[in-house]
Amino acid sequence: PKTAQALGVKNSFNPEENIEWRVKYLKQMLDKYNGNKILALAAYNAGPNAVDKYNGIPPYRETQNYVKAVLANYL
């Protein structure tokens, strides 16, 4: 909710708005991590503070699985 609010989301249950803000947030993470898809995906899932704290993918099983799953479908 905090991320959605920071991105100006008015109704996260509106599918069009939901997709728009998620794409916007992923783009912000790609920009923050200079196009590094792995770090951007980790930040998208766990938050950029966690990625910065651990200087990489955080040791959270959910985040590690998320990054692996997205990359497996991407490649």
C-alpha atoms as a PDB file:
ATOM      1  CA  PRO A   1       0.000   0.000   0.000  1.00  0.00           C
ATOM      2  CA  LYS A   2       2.798   2.464   0.768  1.00  0.00           C
ATOM      3  CA  THR A   3       4.390   1.874  -2.625  1.00  0.00           C
ATOM      4  CA  ALA A   4       1.084   2.259  -4.415  1.00  0.00           C
ATOM      5  CA  GLN A   5       0.383   5.460  -2.511  1.00  0.00           C
ATOM      6  CA  ALA A   6       3.842   6.835  -3.327  1.00  0.00           C
ATOM      7  CA  LEU A   7       3.168   6.162  -7.019  1.00  0.00           C
ATOM      8  CA  GLY A   8      -0.136   8.026  -6.882  1.00  0.00           C
ATOM      9  CA  VAL A   9      -2.437   5.021  -7.152  1.00  0.00           C
ATOM     10  CA  LYS A  10      -6.023   5.961  -6.424  1.00  0.00           C
ATOM     11  CA  ASN A  11      -7.650   2.528  -6.767  1.00  0.00           C
ATOM     12  CA  SER A  12      -5.350  -0.500  -6.747  1.00  0.00           C
ATOM     13  CA  PHE A  13      -8.370  -2.726  -7.466  1.00  0.00           C
ATOM     14  CA  ASN A  14      -8.779  -1.087 -10.866  1.00  0.00           C
ATOM     15  CA  PRO A  15      -6.975  -3.533 -13.203  1.00  0.00           C
ATOM     16  CA  GLU A  16      -5.785  -0.857 -15.628  1.00  0.00           C
ATOM     17  CA  GLU A  17      -4.415   1.370 -12.879  1.00  0.00           C
ATOM     18  CA  ASN A  18      -2.899  -1.608 -11.080  1.00  0.00           C
ATOM     19  CA  ILE A  19      -0.953  -2.724 -14.159  1.00  0.00           C
ATOM     20  CA  GLU A  20       0.123   0.847 -14.899  1.00  0.00           C
ATOM     21  CA  TRP A  21       1.603   1.465 -11.465  1.00  0.00           C
ATOM     22  CA  ARG A  22       3.297  -1.942 -11.351  1.00  0.00           C
ATOM     23  CA  VAL A  23       5.012  -1.275 -14.681  1.00  0.00           C
ATOM     24  CA  LYS A  24       5.995   2.187 -13.471  1.00  0.00           C
ATOM     25  CA  TYR A  25       7.470   0.733 -10.271  1.00  0.00           C
ATOM     26  CA  LEU A  26       9.400  -1.965 -12.133  1.00  0.00           C
ATOM     27  CA  LYS A  27      10.811   0.735 -14.450  1.00  0.00           C
ATOM     28  CA  GLN A  28      11.914   2.729 -11.400  1.00  0.00           C
ATOM     29  CA  MET A  29      13.694  -0.324 -10.021  1.00  0.00           C
ATOM     30  CA  LEU A  30      15.385  -0.989 -13.382  1.00  0.00           C
ATOM     31  CA  ASP A  31      16.565   2.628 -13.442  1.00  0.00           C
ATOM     32  CA  LYS A  32      17.760   2.492  -9.832  1.00  0.00           C
ATOM     33  CA  TYR A  33      19.812  -0.640 -10.500  1.00  0.00           C
ATOM     34  CA  ASN A  34      21.121   0.499 -13.900  1.00  0.00           C
ATOM     35  CA  GLY A  35      19.177  -2.085 -15.872  1.00  0.00           C
ATOM     36  CA  ASN A  36      20.214  -5.015 -13.676  1.00  0.00           C
ATOM     37  CA  LYS A  37      17.147  -7.233 -14.044  1.00  0.00           C
ATOM     38  CA  ILE A  38      18.022  -9.473 -11.113  1.00  0.00           C
ATOM     39  CA  LEU A  39      18.359  -6.613  -8.632  1.00  0.00           C
ATOM     40  CA  ALA A  40      15.304  -4.847 -10.072  1.00  0.00           C
ATOM     41  CA  LEU A  41      13.180  -7.983  -9.652  1.00  0.00           C
ATOM     42  CA  ALA A  42      14.464  -8.517  -6.121  1.00  0.00           C
ATOM     43  CA  ALA A  43      13.678  -4.892  -5.262  1.00  0.00           C
ATOM     44  CA  TYR A  44      10.260  -5.147  -6.883  1.00  0.00           C
ATOM     45  CA  ASN A  45       9.475  -8.101  -4.618  1.00  0.00           C
ATOM     46  CA  ALA A  46      11.278  -7.272  -1.361  1.00  0.00           C
ATOM     47  CA  GLY A  47      11.781  -3.525  -1.704  1.00  0.00           C
ATOM     48  CA  PRO A  48      14.867  -1.549  -2.607  1.00  0.00           C
ATOM     49  CA  ASN A  49      15.863  -1.074   1.031  1.00  0.00           C
ATOM     50  CA  ALA A  50      16.273  -4.839   1.432  1.00  0.00           C
ATOM     51  CA  VAL A  51      18.319  -5.127  -1.779  1.00  0.00           C
ATOM     52  CA  ASP A  52      20.540  -2.243  -0.676  1.00  0.00           C
ATOM     53  CA  LYS A  53      20.912  -3.660   2.838  1.00  0.00           C
ATOM     54  CA  TYR A  54      22.089  -7.041   1.554  1.00  0.00           C
ATOM     55  CA  ASN A  55      23.897  -5.606  -1.465  1.00  0.00           C
ATOM     56  CA  GLY A  56      22.027  -8.054  -3.685  1.00  0.00           C
ATOM     57  CA  ILE A  57      19.125 -10.456  -3.511  1.00  0.00           C
ATOM     58  CA  PRO A  58      17.961 -10.567   0.113  1.00  0.00           C
ATOM     59  CA  PRO A  59      18.074 -13.928   1.894  1.00  0.00           C
ATOM     60  CA  TYR A  60      14.286 -14.171   1.808  1.00  0.00           C
ATOM     61  CA  ARG A  61      13.045 -17.447   0.352  1.00  0.00           C
ATOM     62  CA  GLU A  62      10.042 -15.720  -1.238  1.00  0.00           C
ATOM     63  CA  THR A  63      12.235 -13.165  -3.013  1.00  0.00           C
ATOM     64  CA  GLN A  64      14.799 -15.726  -4.138  1.00  0.00           C
ATOM     65  CA  ASN A  65      12.027 -17.938  -5.537  1.00  0.00           C
ATOM     66  CA  TYR A  66      10.331 -14.951  -7.176  1.00  0.00           C
ATOM     67  CA  VAL A  67      13.487 -13.872  -8.996  1.00  0.00           C
ATOM     68  CA  LYS A  68      14.207 -17.441 -10.151  1.00  0.00           C
ATOM     69  CA  ALA A  69      10.637 -17.956 -11.360  1.00  0.00           C
ATOM     70  CA  VAL A  70      10.477 -14.710 -13.309  1.00  0.00           C
ATOM     71  CA  LEU A  71      13.862 -15.278 -14.908  1.00  0.00           C
ATOM     72  CA  ALA A  72      12.964 -18.878 -15.793  1.00  0.00           C
ATOM     73  CA  ASN A  73       9.905 -17.595 -17.656  1.00  0.00           C
ATOM     74  CA  TYR A  74      11.872 -14.737 -19.199  1.00  0.00           C
ATOM     75  CA  LEU A  75      14.689 -16.828 -20.706  1.00  0.00           C
END
